[in-house]
Amino acid sequence: MSDDNPLKSLRNIGIAAHIDAGKTTTTERILYHAGKIHKVGEVHSGDTVTDFDPQERKRGITIFSAAVTVHWNNCQINIIDTPGHIDFTAEVERCLRVLDGAIIVIDGEAGVEAQTETVWRQTTKYQVPRLIFVNKMDKTGADFFYSLKTIEEKLNASILVLQIPIGAENDLQGVIDIVEMKAYYFTFGDKEENYCVAEIPPNFSEQVKKYRYSLIEKVVEYDEKLTNKYLEGQNLTIVEIKSLIRKATLTGKKFPIFCGTAFKNVGIKLLLNGVVDYLPLPLDKREIATFSLEDKEKMIMISPQQNNFIALAFKIITDPFVGKLTFLRIYSGEIISGSRIYNINKGKEEKVSRLMRMYANSREEIKKVGVGDIVAAIGLKHTATGDTLGEKNNTLVLEEIKFAEPVINLAIEPESSQEQDKLSKALNTISEEDPTFRYWFDQETKQMIIAGMGELHLEVLIERLRSEFKVRVNAGKPQVSYRETITKKVEKVEGEYKKQTGGSGHFAWVKLTFEANKDKGFEFVDAKKGQGMTNKDAEEVKEGIIEAMSSGLLLGYPLLDLKATLLEGKRHDVDTKPGDFKNAAILAFRGDKKEERQWKAEKLGLILLEPIMKVEVMIPKDYYGNILASLTSRRGEIEKTEENEQLQNYTLYAKVPLSEMFDYSTPLRSLSGGRGNYSMKFSHYQEVPDYILNKLLEKK
């Protein structure tokens, strides 16, 4: 934010929705009406501002979140357009973590869809106040009141209806403003979105009165003085009603509803007014939760108005011209280009070479940025997504961003040995940028394995390797990314790494205890005694166990939920070299022979876990029985069924193992006369049945 732009005029918002609800089109219209662009791009034409990546334009979907800054009614609005596809939900997660408000876009014909529920849960988790824009009111089958019903029922949301449409589908003419009691008439396709204001049509008067009464009843409790005025029978002014709506919205418990159609330029200017009127300023959140580095359970609230600099790194991209760009949200203090800051998580000093105001894939260099703003920094070498940046004497960190584990993987290999170094560098760059991407080398198959959130995610990653990083790779078929875990405790496990090659050799010996740590992740306890090893040696042991866990004990899948306790170790004055204790720890955990690993797997009670997906299948009524049988045959557990009488269809909700859902679209089309569609997202890991485990062991 520039020096002459006061903090009270800043808004940080995200735009989120189910895929194809119209997020990017809505963003494009906002940019145009705010004067940021002079030609409106379209998703189907591949020329929108925020979908600038070649794959986004080719596929017609948003893959990467994009940041833009616009000005409206003397306010600076930082906007992040987020992906709608479930495979890229991490992009939504990290953006919502740093935003103050959000616009949730809903398809006016479909109402609340699967990914709408996901982003709703994410915004609720981070307590982000929201506006809801019911889009595509010109679409065949659009029904504003059906959409309201799905919002209330599926999202369990208390809504504030601020607008209702005048007509729908081809008869859509405009919207009625419930607060100002005016009708706004638009001309379809007028890119300037000019409108004329008129009296409310008589046939809408009763409906409008009902919604206005309901609106005031829901918000008047948020101001005692205005409550008394209302109870005394006095009329509230428009300014007073808007102030009540704002207070209600900021609680995160009431959600204003807007409507229109972004593609036909209806309602976007009014939506922008709503952003300014109702969504929060950075200072509306009077305190920010931080945690002590020494005790992550200890929460300490700080004021954003304090002078100490503190910021969260929430996204990293690699730019071919300037290198690594680290996106920061400033929570207090300010940052100056050329200054030195401190990465509190890593304990390392960083230099901010330059600061950039991002505008999708272009940028503007700025000298200083202050509290509440979002900026990209160049020059940060050690910072990763989720790190807290601040001052050296600070030991407080902001809440970390938690991402889901990948559920699908595939093997890749370079076409030639000359490509190996390029591949390694590319995978490292992608893993820095994408917190839901993993890669490792399978010692059994001698293949590089990459893992992600779904088939589309991996497709995009492979295409990036080939087009962006110019690495020629061959890729196998997607496979389920199973997980290993243990159920027993084994004490005093020894590992010795010893090599003699003439002259000084290598030596390290460790003794550890391994035990299950269900649902708590990895935990390392340094309980070494005596002078047999240093603290640096102990850190190597920890690194070795983490590395060994990445490829598991038996089947090569990552191992979850392990507690490792270091009991003791020995080093040699001459032979012990850096890395020896790491190798000793790997041997203690996995051994170096297949038979030894099998023995350790049995002693530790190793079990295999498979990802279970939440699946929603939407089908016409006539095909209900076929689809129900198909899901059951795939080990699916049907949770509930919803009937939509208006659309004459059913939605089936089930939990199904991911291994059973590969290429489900083909049989679904066949079983539903080509009219069914489905979506799925990760639910949880569950122990695989014995017969599945035996099949996997046979393949190994």
Foldseek 3Di string as FASTA:
>chain_A
DDPVQDLLQEFEEEEAEAWPLQLQLLVQLLCCLLPNDVDGDDLQCLDGQQQVDPVCSVVSWDQAWFWAWGDDPSHIYIYIYATNAQQRCLRLLLSLLQGQAYEYGGAQQPAHDDSSLVSLVSNVVNLHQYAYEHAQQQAVNGDNVVNVVCCCPVVVAAEQEQWDFDDGHNRTFAIAGLLVQWTWGFDFQPSNGDTDIDHDDPVCVVVSVVSNVVNCVVQQVLDPVSVVCVVVVHDDHSVRSLVSQQSVRSSSRYYYYHYYYSNRNYGSSVVVVCSSSHTDRLCVPQWAWWAFLVDRVDTDIDGQADAWWKWFFRFWAQDPPQGIKTKIATSHHKDFAQDWKAFLVVRDIWGFNWKWDGRNNDTDTDGMDGHGDMIITGGGDPDAHQIMITHNVDRIGHDGRDDDEFWKKWWKDFPDPVLVVLVVVLLVNVVRGDVRKDWDQQPVVRTIMITGHDPVVVVVSVVCCCPVSVTHMDIDDMDTQKEKEFAAKDFFQKFWDWDDDDDAAATKIWTKIKAFQPPPWEAEAEQEDDDFDDVVLVVLLVVLVCNLQCLHQAQGHHYTGMYMYTYYMHGDPGRHDPNRSSNRNSCSQHNDDNVSSVVNCVNRHMFMKFWKKWKKKKAAPVLVVVVVVLQVVQVKDWDDKDADPSVRIIITIIIGTPNSCVPVLVVVCVSRVNGMDMGIGTDDIDTDDPVVVVVSNVVD
